[in-house]
């Protein structure tokens, strides 16, 4: 199991993750990403799926302790090409990714 310690930008409620030095490639086995919440607590989220809409990558992250809790992050890149993981706030964008995720889960075309 690969682990990443990712700081969360506490400047916003959406938990924007930045300062990742390596590109994350999800291997066949589980990958765990560690986040620090606004209180400084470490939260472990597993990558449940990678979804691509066009050229945009999205990560479905699942709470390691409560598998019913899933979170959606879009992979953006800063001016230097480093990935940043941003919570999806737009309802239309969220629903498009959710629809693609459902297709993956239920093997629909």
PDB file of N, CA and C in Angstrom:
ATOM      1  N   UNK A   1       0.838  -1.161   0.000  1.00  0.00           N
ATOM      2  CA  UNK A   1       0.000   0.000   0.000  1.00  0.00           C
ATOM      3  C   UNK A   1       0.895   1.240   0.000  1.00  0.00           C
ATOM      4  N   UNK A   2       0.689   2.119  -0.952  1.00  0.00           N
ATOM      5  CA  UNK A   2       1.475   3.339  -1.084  1.00  0.00           C
ATOM      6  C   UNK A   2       0.795   4.453  -0.309  1.00  0.00           C
ATOM      7  N   UNK A   3       1.556   5.226   0.471  1.00  0.00           N
ATOM      8  CA  UNK A   3       0.973   6.313   1.240  1.00  0.00           C
ATOM      9  C   UNK A   3       1.598   7.629   0.826  1.00  0.00           C
ATOM     10  N   UNK A   4       0.800   8.685   0.801  1.00  0.00           N
ATOM     11  CA  UNK A   4       1.257  10.036   0.506  1.00  0.00           C
ATOM     12  C   UNK A   4       0.817  10.926   1.656  1.00  0.00           C
ATOM     13  N   UNK A   5       1.699  11.772   2.155  1.00  0.00           N
ATOM     14  CA  UNK A   5       1.344  12.731   3.185  1.00  0.00           C
ATOM     15  C   UNK A   5       1.098  14.050   2.485  1.00  0.00           C
ATOM     16  N   UNK A   6      -0.172  14.436   2.394  1.00  0.00           N
ATOM     17  CA  UNK A   6      -0.553  15.611   1.635  1.00  0.00           C
ATOM     18  C   UNK A   6      -1.076  16.694   2.556  1.00  0.00           C
ATOM     19  N   UNK A   7      -0.457  17.879   2.548  1.00  0.00           N
ATOM     20  CA  UNK A   7      -0.989  18.953   3.365  1.00  0.00           C
ATOM     21  C   UNK A   7      -2.246  19.529   2.732  1.00  0.00           C
ATOM     22  N   UNK A   8      -3.179  19.920   3.557  1.00  0.00           N
ATOM     23  CA  UNK A   8      -4.404  20.538   3.072  1.00  0.00           C
ATOM     24  C   UNK A   8      -4.277  22.039   3.270  1.00  0.00           C
ATOM     25  N   UNK A   9      -4.610  22.797   2.241  1.00  0.00           N
ATOM     26  CA  UNK A   9      -4.604  24.241   2.318  1.00  0.00           C
ATOM     27  C   UNK A   9      -5.783  24.642   3.183  1.00  0.00           C
ATOM     28  N   UNK A  10      -5.514  25.064   4.423  1.00  0.00           N
ATOM     29  CA  UNK A  10      -6.599  25.357   5.358  1.00  0.00           C
ATOM     30  C   UNK A  10      -7.210  26.725   5.121  1.00  0.00           C
ATOM     31  N   UNK A  11      -6.822  27.392   4.039  1.00  0.00           N
ATOM     32  CA  UNK A  11      -7.361  28.701   3.727  1.00  0.00           C
ATOM     33  C   UNK A  11      -8.778  28.645   3.202  1.00  0.00           C
ATOM     34  N   UNK A  12      -9.322  27.464   2.978  1.00  0.00           N
ATOM     35  CA  UNK A  12     -10.692  27.370   2.498  1.00  0.00           C
ATOM     36  C   UNK A  12     -11.367  26.159   3.103  1.00  0.00           C
ATOM     37  N   UNK A  13     -12.680  26.162   3.049  1.00  0.00           N
ATOM     38  CA  UNK A  13     -13.447  25.061   3.617  1.00  0.00           C
ATOM     39  C   UNK A  13     -13.367  23.817   2.761  1.00  0.00           C
ATOM     40  N   UNK A  14     -12.983  23.951   1.496  1.00  0.00           N
ATOM     41  CA  UNK A  14     -13.043  22.839   0.559  1.00  0.00           C
ATOM     42  C   UNK A  14     -11.855  21.893   0.658  1.00  0.00           C
ATOM     43  N   UNK A  15     -10.922  22.145   1.574  1.00  0.00           N
ATOM     44  CA  UNK A  15      -9.749  21.288   1.732  1.00  0.00           C
ATOM     45  C   UNK A  15      -8.982  21.113   0.425  1.00  0.00           C
ATOM     46  N   UNK A  16      -8.436  22.199  -0.080  1.00  0.00           N
ATOM     47  CA  UNK A  16      -7.635  22.137  -1.294  1.00  0.00           C
ATOM     48  C   UNK A  16      -6.273  21.573  -0.942  1.00  0.00           C
ATOM     49  N   UNK A  17      -5.883  20.545  -1.632  1.00  0.00           N
ATOM     50  CA  UNK A  17      -4.623  19.879  -1.356  1.00  0.00           C
ATOM     51  C   UNK A  17      -3.574  20.400  -2.322  1.00  0.00           C
ATOM     52  N   UNK A  18      -2.408  20.754  -1.783  1.00  0.00           N
ATOM     53  CA  UNK A  18      -1.349  21.246  -2.643  1.00  0.00           C
ATOM     54  C   UNK A  18      -0.005  20.694  -2.184  1.00  0.00           C
ATOM     55  N   UNK A  19       1.036  21.129  -2.836  1.00  0.00           N
ATOM     56  CA  UNK A  19       2.409  20.774  -2.491  1.00  0.00           C
ATOM     57  C   UNK A  19       2.718  19.296  -2.617  1.00  0.00           C
ATOM     58  N   UNK A  20       2.151  18.641  -3.590  1.00  0.00           N
ATOM     59  CA  UNK A  20       2.477  17.242  -3.841  1.00  0.00           C
ATOM     60  C   UNK A  20       3.669  17.220  -4.777  1.00  0.00           C
ATOM     61  N   UNK A  21       4.744  16.575  -4.371  1.00  0.00           N
ATOM     62  CA  UNK A  21       5.966  16.583  -5.161  1.00  0.00           C
ATOM     63  C   UNK A  21       6.020  15.494  -6.210  1.00  0.00           C
ATOM     64  N   UNK A  22       5.206  14.474  -6.057  1.00  0.00           N
ATOM     65  CA  UNK A  22       5.213  13.377  -7.013  1.00  0.00           C
ATOM     66  C   UNK A  22       3.850  13.257  -7.652  1.00  0.00           C
ATOM     67  N   UNK A  23       3.846  12.875  -8.896  1.00  0.00           N
ATOM     68  CA  UNK A  23       2.574  12.579  -9.556  1.00  0.00           C
ATOM     69  C   UNK A  23       2.073  11.257  -9.002  1.00  0.00           C
ATOM     70  N   UNK A  24       0.789  11.178  -8.737  1.00  0.00           N
ATOM     71  CA  UNK A  24       0.236   9.937  -8.208  1.00  0.00           C
ATOM     72  C   UNK A  24      -0.233   9.082  -9.368  1.00  0.00           C
ATOM     73  N   UNK A  25       0.313   7.907  -9.472  1.00  0.00           N
ATOM     74  CA  UNK A  25      -0.150   6.911 -10.424  1.00  0.00           C
ATOM     75  C   UNK A  25      -0.766   5.808  -9.595  1.00  0.00           C
ATOM     76  N   UNK A  26      -2.038   5.570  -9.786  1.00  0.00           N
ATOM     77  CA  UNK A  26      -2.717   4.563  -8.967  1.00  0.00           C
ATOM     78  C   UNK A  26      -2.324   3.183  -9.468  1.00  0.00           C
ATOM     79  N   UNK A  27      -1.609   2.429  -8.640  1.00  0.00           N
ATOM     80  CA  UNK A  27      -1.239   1.070  -9.032  1.00  0.00           C
ATOM     81  C   UNK A  27      -2.441   0.150  -8.885  1.00  0.00           C
ATOM     82  N   UNK A  28      -2.268  -1.107  -9.275  1.00  0.00           N
ATOM     83  CA  UNK A  28      -3.342  -2.088  -9.157  1.00  0.00           C
ATOM     84  C   UNK A  28      -3.795  -2.214  -7.699  1.00  0.00           C
ATOM     85  N   UNK A  29      -2.844  -2.138  -6.749  1.00  0.00           N
ATOM     86  CA  UNK A  29      -3.201  -2.239  -5.338  1.00  0.00           C
ATOM     87  C   UNK A  29      -3.723  -0.891  -4.836  1.00  0.00           C
ATOM     88  N   UNK A  30      -4.279  -0.882  -3.633  1.00  0.00           N
ATOM     89  CA  UNK A  30      -4.833   0.330  -3.046  1.00  0.00           C
ATOM     90  C   UNK A  30      -3.759   1.395  -2.855  1.00  0.00           C
ATOM     91  N   UNK A  31      -4.178   2.642  -2.932  1.00  0.00           N
ATOM     92  CA  UNK A  31      -3.306   3.756  -2.617  1.00  0.00           C
ATOM     93  C   UNK A  31      -3.999   4.591  -1.564  1.00  0.00           C
ATOM     94  N   UNK A  32      -3.271   4.955  -0.534  1.00  0.00           N
ATOM     95  CA  UNK A  32      -3.809   5.766   0.548  1.00  0.00           C
ATOM     96  C   UNK A  32      -3.159   7.141   0.493  1.00  0.00           C
ATOM     97  N   UNK A  33      -3.988   8.160   0.590  1.00  0.00           N
ATOM     98  CA  UNK A  33      -3.500   9.534   0.642  1.00  0.00           C
ATOM     99  C   UNK A  33      -3.793  10.050   2.041  1.00  0.00           C
ATOM    100  N   UNK A  34      -2.821  10.690   2.658  1.00  0.00           N
ATOM    101  CA  UNK A  34      -3.005  11.246   3.993  1.00  0.00           C
ATOM    102  C   UNK A  34      -3.198  12.751   3.870  1.00  0.00           C
ATOM    103  N   UNK A  35      -4.239  13.232   4.503  1.00  0.00           N
ATOM    104  CA  UNK A  35      -4.544  14.654   4.525  1.00  0.00           C
ATOM    105  C   UNK A  35      -4.493  15.144   5.961  1.00  0.00           C
ATOM    106  N   UNK A  36      -4.179  16.400   6.130  1.00  0.00           N
ATOM    107  CA  UNK A  36      -4.298  17.030   7.446  1.00  0.00           C
ATOM    108  C   UNK A  36      -5.503  17.951   7.386  1.00  0.00           C
ATOM    109  N   UNK A  37      -6.439  17.758   8.331  1.00  0.00           N
ATOM    110  CA  UNK A  37      -7.613  18.618   8.346  1.00  0.00           C
ATOM    111  C   UNK A  37      -7.291  19.943   9.024  1.00  0.00           C
ATOM    112  N   UNK A  38      -8.292  20.806   9.123  1.00  0.00           N
ATOM    113  CA  UNK A  38      -8.081  22.145   9.684  1.00  0.00           C
ATOM    114  C   UNK A  38      -7.677  22.112  11.149  1.00  0.00           C
ATOM    115  N   UNK A  39      -7.909  20.991  11.839  1.00  0.00           N
ATOM    116  CA  UNK A  39      -7.502  20.847  13.234  1.00  0.00           C
ATOM    117  C   UNK A  39      -6.141  20.169  13.377  1.00  0.00           C
ATOM    118  N   UNK A  40      -5.508  19.836  12.263  1.00  0.00           N
ATOM    119  CA  UNK A  40      -4.203  19.196  12.300  1.00  0.00           C
ATOM    120  C   UNK A  40      -4.253  17.684  12.417  1.00  0.00           C
ATOM    121  N   UNK A  41      -5.440  17.112  12.401  1.00  0.00           N
ATOM    122  CA  UNK A  41      -5.589  15.654  12.489  1.00  0.00           C
ATOM    123  C   UNK A  41      -5.300  15.021  11.137  1.00  0.00           C
ATOM    124  N   UNK A  42      -4.680  13.853  11.148  1.00  0.00           N
ATOM    125  CA  UNK A  42      -4.415  13.125   9.911  1.00  0.00           C
ATOM    126  C   UNK A  42      -5.633  12.297   9.547  1.00  0.00           C
ATOM    127  N   UNK A  43      -6.066  12.425   8.299  1.00  0.00           N
ATOM    128  CA  UNK A  43      -7.194  11.670   7.779  1.00  0.00           C
ATOM    129  C   UNK A  43      -6.674  10.860   6.598  1.00  0.00           C
ATOM    130  N   UNK A  44      -6.934   9.558   6.610  1.00  0.00           N
ATOM    131  CA  UNK A  44      -6.500   8.697   5.520  1.00  0.00           C
ATOM    132  C   UNK A  44      -7.659   8.433   4.575  1.00  0.00           C
ATOM    133  N   UNK A  45      -7.434   8.701   3.289  1.00  0.00           N
ATOM    134  CA  UNK A  45      -8.434   8.443   2.272  1.00  0.00           C
ATOM    135  C   UNK A  45      -7.826   7.527   1.220  1.00  0.00           C
ATOM    136  N   UNK A  46      -8.577   6.506   0.853  1.00  0.00           N
ATOM    137  CA  UNK A  46      -8.134   5.564  -0.171  1.00  0.00           C
ATOM    138  C   UNK A  46      -8.651   6.029  -1.522  1.00  0.00           C
ATOM    139  N   UNK A  47      -7.853   5.848  -2.558  1.00  0.00           N
ATOM    140  CA  UNK A  47      -8.318   6.157  -3.902  1.00  0.00           C
ATOM    141  C   UNK A  47      -9.205   4.998  -4.351  1.00  0.00           C
ATOM    142  N   UNK A  48     -10.494   5.285  -4.495  1.00  0.00           N
ATOM    143  CA  UNK A  48     -11.452   4.277  -4.919  1.00  0.00           C
ATOM    144  C   UNK A  48     -11.485   4.174  -6.434  1.00  0.00           C
ATOM    145  N   UNK A  49     -11.286   5.314  -7.118  1.00  0.00           N
ATOM    146  CA  UNK A  49     -11.343   5.310  -8.584  1.00  0.00           C
ATOM    147  C   UNK A  49     -10.725   6.569  -9.140  1.00  0.00           C
ATOM    148  N   UNK A  50     -10.228   6.450 -10.363  1.00  0.00           N
ATOM    149  CA  UNK A  50      -9.804   7.594 -11.168  1.00  0.00           C
ATOM    150  C   UNK A  50     -10.781   7.673 -12.327  1.00  0.00           C
ATOM    151  N   UNK A  51     -11.308   8.853 -12.569  1.00  0.00           N
ATOM    152  CA  UNK A  51     -12.270   9.062 -13.645  1.00  0.00           C
ATOM    153  C   UNK A  51     -11.720  10.165 -14.536  1.00  0.00           C
ATOM    154  N   UNK A  52     -11.851  10.001 -15.829  1.00  0.00           N
ATOM    155  CA  UNK A  52     -11.422  11.030 -16.770  1.00  0.00           C
ATOM    156  C   UNK A  52     -12.630  11.521 -17.555  1.00  0.00           C
ATOM    157  N   UNK A  53     -12.838  12.831 -17.545  1.00  0.00           N
ATOM    158  CA  UNK A  53     -13.823  13.477 -18.401  1.00  0.00           C
ATOM    159  C   UNK A  53     -13.019  14.396 -19.302  1.00  0.00           C
ATOM    160  N   UNK A  54     -12.939  14.036 -20.573  1.00  0.00           N
ATOM    161  CA  UNK A  54     -12.036  14.769 -21.459  1.00  0.00           C
ATOM    162  C   UNK A  54     -10.623  14.529 -20.977  1.00  0.00           C
ATOM    163  N   UNK A  55      -9.884  15.613 -20.790  1.00  0.00           N
ATOM    164  CA  UNK A  55      -8.500  15.496 -20.309  1.00  0.00           C
ATOM    165  C   UNK A  55      -8.391  15.740 -18.807  1.00  0.00           C
ATOM    166  N   UNK A  56      -9.526  15.936 -18.141  1.00  0.00           N
ATOM    167  CA  UNK A  56      -9.518  16.238 -16.715  1.00  0.00           C
ATOM    168  C   UNK A  56      -9.625  14.953 -15.904  1.00  0.00           C
ATOM    169  N   UNK A  57      -8.723  14.826 -14.934  1.00  0.00           N
ATOM    170  CA  UNK A  57      -8.707  13.664 -14.051  1.00  0.00           C
ATOM    171  C   UNK A  57      -9.434  13.997 -12.747  1.00  0.00           C
ATOM    172  N   UNK A  58     -10.233  13.052 -12.286  1.00  0.00           N
ATOM    173  CA  UNK A  58     -10.931  13.161 -11.010  1.00  0.00           C
ATOM    174  C   UNK A  58     -10.577  11.950 -10.161  1.00  0.00           C
ATOM    175  N   UNK A  59     -10.493  12.163  -8.859  1.00  0.00           N
ATOM    176  CA  UNK A  59     -10.235  11.078  -7.920  1.00  0.00           C
ATOM    177  C   UNK A  59     -11.431  10.928  -6.999  1.00  0.00           C
ATOM    178  N   UNK A  60     -11.937   9.716  -6.899  1.00  0.00           N
ATOM    179  CA  UNK A  60     -12.952   9.384  -5.898  1.00  0.00           C
ATOM    180  C   UNK A  60     -12.168   8.833  -4.715  1.00  0.00           C
ATOM    181  N   UNK A  61     -12.228   9.525  -3.588  1.00  0.00           N
ATOM    182  CA  UNK A  61     -11.496   9.123  -2.399  1.00  0.00           C
ATOM    183  C   UNK A  61     -12.486   8.622  -1.356  1.00  0.00           C
ATOM    184  N   UNK A  62     -12.117   7.538  -0.683  1.00  0.00           N
ATOM    185  CA  UNK A  62     -12.982   6.891   0.306  1.00  0.00           C
ATOM    186  C   UNK A  62     -12.309   6.969   1.672  1.00  0.00           C
ATOM    187  N   UNK A  63     -13.076   7.306   2.674  1.00  0.00           N
ATOM    188  CA  UNK A  63     -12.586   7.349   4.045  1.00  0.00           C
ATOM    189  C   UNK A  63     -12.145   5.940   4.454  1.00  0.00           C
ATOM    190  N   UNK A  64     -10.918   5.821   4.942  1.00  0.00           N
ATOM    191  CA  UNK A  64     -10.377   4.519   5.339  1.00  0.00           C
ATOM    192  C   UNK A  64     -11.146   3.892   6.492  1.00  0.00           C
ATOM    193  N   UNK A  65     -11.723   4.727   7.354  1.00  0.00           N
ATOM    194  CA  UNK A  65     -12.429   4.216   8.517  1.00  0.00           C
ATOM    195  C   UNK A  65     -13.918   4.025   8.270  1.00  0.00           C
ATOM    196  N   UNK A  66     -14.470   4.747   7.303  1.00  0.00           N
ATOM    197  CA  UNK A  66     -15.895   4.652   7.004  1.00  0.00           C
ATOM    198  C   UNK A  66     -16.059   4.624   5.489  1.00  0.00           C
ATOM    199  N   UNK A  67     -16.151   3.438   4.927  1.00  0.00           N
ATOM    200  CA  UNK A  67     -16.170   3.289   3.476  1.00  0.00           C
ATOM    201  C   UNK A  67     -17.398   3.889   2.818  1.00  0.00           C
ATOM    202  N   UNK A  68     -18.393   4.285   3.602  1.00  0.00           N
ATOM    203  CA  UNK A  68     -19.569   4.934   3.038  1.00  0.00           C
ATOM    204  C   UNK A  68     -19.295   6.397   2.695  1.00  0.00           C
ATOM    205  N   UNK A  69     -18.246   6.981   3.277  1.00  0.00           N
ATOM    206  CA  UNK A  69     -17.895   8.371   3.009  1.00  0.00           C
ATOM    207  C   UNK A  69     -16.942   8.437   1.826  1.00  0.00           C
ATOM    208  N   UNK A  70     -17.404   9.052   0.723  1.00  0.00           N
ATOM    209  CA  UNK A  70     -16.569   9.232  -0.461  1.00  0.00           C
ATOM    210  C   UNK A  70     -16.509  10.713  -0.800  1.00  0.00           C
ATOM    211  N   UNK A  71     -15.367  11.119  -1.357  1.00  0.00           N
ATOM    212  CA  UNK A  71     -15.125  12.516  -1.681  1.00  0.00           C
ATOM    213  C   UNK A  71     -14.624  12.608  -3.111  1.00  0.00           C
ATOM    214  N   UNK A  72     -14.957  13.685  -3.786  1.00  0.00           N
ATOM    215  CA  UNK A  72     -14.568  13.876  -5.172  1.00  0.00           C
ATOM    216  C   UNK A  72     -13.600  15.040  -5.285  1.00  0.00           C
ATOM    217  N   UNK A  73     -12.425  14.767  -5.855  1.00  0.00           N
ATOM    218  CA  UNK A  73     -11.420  15.794  -6.085  1.00  0.00           C
ATOM    219  C   UNK A  73     -11.068  15.834  -7.570  1.00  0.00           C
ATOM    220  N   UNK A  74     -10.871  17.040  -8.093  1.00  0.00           N
ATOM    221  CA  UNK A  74     -10.400  17.245  -9.461  1.00  0.00           C
ATOM    222  C   UNK A  74      -8.899  17.503  -9.388  1.00  0.00           C
ATOM    223  N   UNK A  75      -8.157  16.913 -10.304  1.00  0.00           N
ATOM    224  CA  UNK A  75      -6.721  17.154 -10.375  1.00  0.00           C
ATOM    225  C   UNK A  75      -6.482  18.361 -11.268  1.00  0.00           C
ATOM    226  N   UNK A  76      -5.982  19.436 -10.674  1.00  0.00           N
ATOM    227  CA  UNK A  76      -5.584  20.634 -11.400  1.00  0.00           C
ATOM    228  C   UNK A  76      -4.072  20.736 -11.302  1.00  0.00           C
ATOM    229  N   UNK A  77      -3.497  21.629 -12.064  1.00  0.00           N
ATOM    230  CA  UNK A  77      -2.045  21.802 -12.042  1.00  0.00           C
ATOM    231  C   UNK A  77      -1.699  23.261 -11.822  1.00  0.00           C
ATOM    232  N   UNK A  78      -0.686  23.511 -10.973  1.00  0.00           N
ATOM    233  CA  UNK A  78      -0.247  24.888 -10.748  1.00  0.00           C
ATOM    234  C   UNK A  78       0.617  25.355 -11.922  1.00  0.00           C
ATOM    235  N   UNK A  79       1.111  26.569 -11.844  1.00  0.00           N
ATOM    236  CA  UNK A  79       1.878  27.154 -12.948  1.00  0.00           C
ATOM    237  C   UNK A  79       3.171  26.405 -13.233  1.00  0.00           C
ATOM    238  N   UNK A  80       3.642  25.604 -12.279  1.00  0.00           N
ATOM    239  CA  UNK A  80       4.865  24.827 -12.467  1.00  0.00           C
ATOM    240  C   UNK A  80       4.581  23.393 -12.881  1.00  0.00           C
ATOM    241  N   UNK A  81       3.305  23.070 -13.094  1.00  0.00           N
ATOM    242  CA  UNK A  81       2.939  21.734 -13.540  1.00  0.00           C
ATOM    243  C   UNK A  81       2.743  20.722 -12.429  1.00  0.00           C
ATOM    244  N   UNK A  82       2.755  21.167 -11.171  1.00  0.00           N
ATOM    245  CA  UNK A  82       2.550  20.265 -10.031  1.00  0.00           C
ATOM    246  C   UNK A  82       1.060  20.047  -9.810  1.00  0.00           C
ATOM    247  N   UNK A  83       0.648  18.808  -9.551  1.00  0.00           N
ATOM    248  CA  UNK A  83      -0.781  18.542  -9.340  1.00  0.00           C
ATOM    249  C   UNK A  83      -1.285  19.140  -8.034  1.00  0.00           C
ATOM    250  N   UNK A  84      -2.528  19.631  -8.074  1.00  0.00           N
ATOM    251  CA  UNK A  84      -3.250  20.104  -6.899  1.00  0.00           C
ATOM    252  C   UNK A  84      -4.600  19.411  -6.927  1.00  0.00           C
ATOM    253  N   UNK A  85      -5.075  18.999  -5.777  1.00  0.00           N
ATOM    254  CA  UNK A  85      -6.320  18.261  -5.696  1.00  0.00           C
ATOM    255  C   UNK A  85      -7.372  19.162  -5.059  1.00  0.00           C
ATOM    256  N   UNK A  86      -8.404  19.489  -5.832  1.00  0.00           N
ATOM    257  CA  UNK A  86      -9.426  20.430  -5.410  1.00  0.00           C
ATOM    258  C   UNK A  86     -10.786  19.747  -5.333  1.00  0.00           C
ATOM    259  N   UNK A  87     -11.488  19.986  -4.236  1.00  0.00           N
ATOM    260  CA  UNK A  87     -12.836  19.446  -4.078  1.00  0.00           C
ATOM    261  C   UNK A  87     -13.725  20.022  -5.174  1.00  0.00           C
ATOM    262  N   UNK A  88     -14.568  19.180  -5.749  1.00  0.00           N
ATOM    263  CA  UNK A  88     -15.485  19.624  -6.801  1.00  0.00           C
ATOM    264  C   UNK A  88     -16.693  20.266  -6.125  1.00  0.00           C
ATOM    265  N   UNK A  89     -16.932  21.535  -6.445  1.00  0.00           N
ATOM    266  CA  UNK A  89     -18.022  22.287  -5.838  1.00  0.00           C
ATOM    267  C   UNK A  89     -19.191  22.497  -6.789  1.00  0.00           C
ATOM    268  N   UNK A  90     -18.920  22.484  -8.076  1.00  0.00           N
ATOM    269  CA  UNK A  90     -19.946  22.738  -9.079  1.00  0.00           C
ATOM    270  C   UNK A  90     -20.860  21.523  -9.196  1.00  0.00           C
ATOM    271  N   UNK A  91     -22.172  21.736  -9.021  1.00  0.00           N
ATOM    272  CA  UNK A  91     -23.132  20.626  -9.045  1.00  0.00           C
ATOM    273  C   UNK A  91     -23.153  19.903 -10.385  1.00  0.00           C
ATOM    274  N   UNK A  92     -23.095  20.639 -11.480  1.00  0.00           N
ATOM    275  CA  UNK A  92     -23.131  20.017 -12.807  1.00  0.00           C
ATOM    276  C   UNK A  92     -21.896  19.132 -13.024  1.00  0.00           C
ATOM    277  N   UNK A  93     -20.729  19.657 -12.666  1.00  0.00           N
ATOM    278  CA  UNK A  93     -19.486  18.892 -12.789  1.00  0.00           C
ATOM    279  C   UNK A  93     -19.538  17.653 -11.890  1.00  0.00           C
ATOM    280  N   UNK A  94     -20.002  17.834 -10.664  1.00  0.00           N
ATOM    281  CA  UNK A  94     -20.126  16.726  -9.715  1.00  0.00           C
ATOM    282  C   UNK A  94     -21.019  15.624 -10.281  1.00  0.00           C
ATOM    283  N   UNK A  95     -22.174  16.010 -10.828  1.00  0.00           N
ATOM    284  CA  UNK A  95     -23.121  15.029 -11.365  1.00  0.00           C
ATOM    285  C   UNK A  95     -22.575  14.303 -12.590  1.00  0.00           C
ATOM    286  N   UNK A  96     -21.796  14.988 -13.429  1.00  0.00           N
ATOM    287  CA  UNK A  96     -21.174  14.329 -14.588  1.00  0.00           C
ATOM    288  C   UNK A  96     -20.204  13.249 -14.130  1.00  0.00           C
ATOM    289  N   UNK A  97     -19.378  13.562 -13.148  1.00  0.00           N
ATOM    290  CA  UNK A  97     -18.411  12.590 -12.637  1.00  0.00           C
ATOM    291  C   UNK A  97     -19.144  11.450 -11.936  1.00  0.00           C
ATOM    292  N   UNK A  98     -20.168  11.784 -11.177  1.00  0.00           N
ATOM    293  CA  UNK A  98     -20.962  10.767 -10.475  1.00  0.00           C
ATOM    294  C   UNK A  98     -21.575   9.778 -11.470  1.00  0.00           C
ATOM    295  N   UNK A  99     -22.047  10.294 -12.604  1.00  0.00           N
ATOM    296  CA  UNK A  99     -22.639   9.435 -13.634  1.00  0.00           C
ATOM    297  C   UNK A  99     -21.575   8.489 -14.210  1.00  0.00           C
ATOM    298  N   UNK A 100     -20.379   8.992 -14.466  1.00  0.00           N
ATOM    299  CA  UNK A 100     -19.293   8.152 -14.982  1.00  0.00           C
ATOM    300  C   UNK A 100     -18.860   7.111 -13.952  1.00  0.00           C
ATOM    301  N   UNK A 101     -18.840   7.511 -12.695  1.00  0.00           N
ATOM    302  CA  UNK A 101     -18.476   6.586 -11.622  1.00  0.00           C
ATOM    303  C   UNK A 101     -19.503   5.462 -11.529  1.00  0.00           C
ATOM    304  N   UNK A 102     -20.765   5.791 -11.655  1.00  0.00           N
ATOM    305  CA  UNK A 102     -21.827   4.774 -11.626  1.00  0.00           C
ATOM    306  C   UNK A 102     -21.652   3.796 -12.778  1.00  0.00           C
ATOM    307  N   UNK A 103     -21.262   4.293 -13.949  1.00  0.00           N
ATOM    308  CA  UNK A 103     -21.008   3.413 -15.085  1.00  0.00           C
ATOM    309  C   UNK A 103     -19.887   2.428 -14.757  1.00  0.00           C
ATOM    310  N   UNK A 104     -18.837   2.908 -14.110  1.00  0.00           N
ATOM    311  CA  UNK A 104     -17.732   2.034 -13.714  1.00  0.00           C
ATOM    312  C   UNK A 104     -18.202   0.976 -12.713  1.00  0.00           C
ATOM    313  N   UNK A 105     -18.970   1.426 -11.722  1.00  0.00           N
ATOM    314  CA  UNK A 105     -19.424   0.504 -10.683  1.00  0.00           C
ATOM    315  C   UNK A 105     -20.350  -0.576 -11.220  1.00  0.00           C
ATOM    316  N   UNK A 106     -21.200  -0.182 -12.141  1.00  0.00           N
ATOM    317  CA  UNK A 106     -22.206  -1.113 -12.636  1.00  0.00           C
ATOM    318  C   UNK A 106     -21.917  -1.606 -14.043  1.00  0.00           C
ATOM    319  N   UNK A 107     -20.687  -1.302 -14.525  1.00  0.00           N
ATOM    320  CA  UNK A 107     -20.198  -1.773 -15.818  1.00  0.00           C
ATOM    321  C   UNK A 107     -21.186  -1.477 -16.960  1.00  0.00           C
ATOM    322  N   UNK A 108     -21.669  -0.225 -16.972  1.00  0.00           N
ATOM    323  CA  UNK A 108     -22.591   0.208 -18.007  1.00  0.00           C
ATOM    324  C   UNK A 108     -21.843   0.955 -19.088  1.00  0.00           C
ATOM    325  N   UNK A 109     -22.417   0.998 -20.297  1.00  0.00           N
ATOM    326  CA  UNK A 109     -21.810   1.756 -21.387  1.00  0.00           C
ATOM    327  C   UNK A 109     -22.607   2.977 -21.696  1.00  0.00           C
TER     328      UNK A 109
END
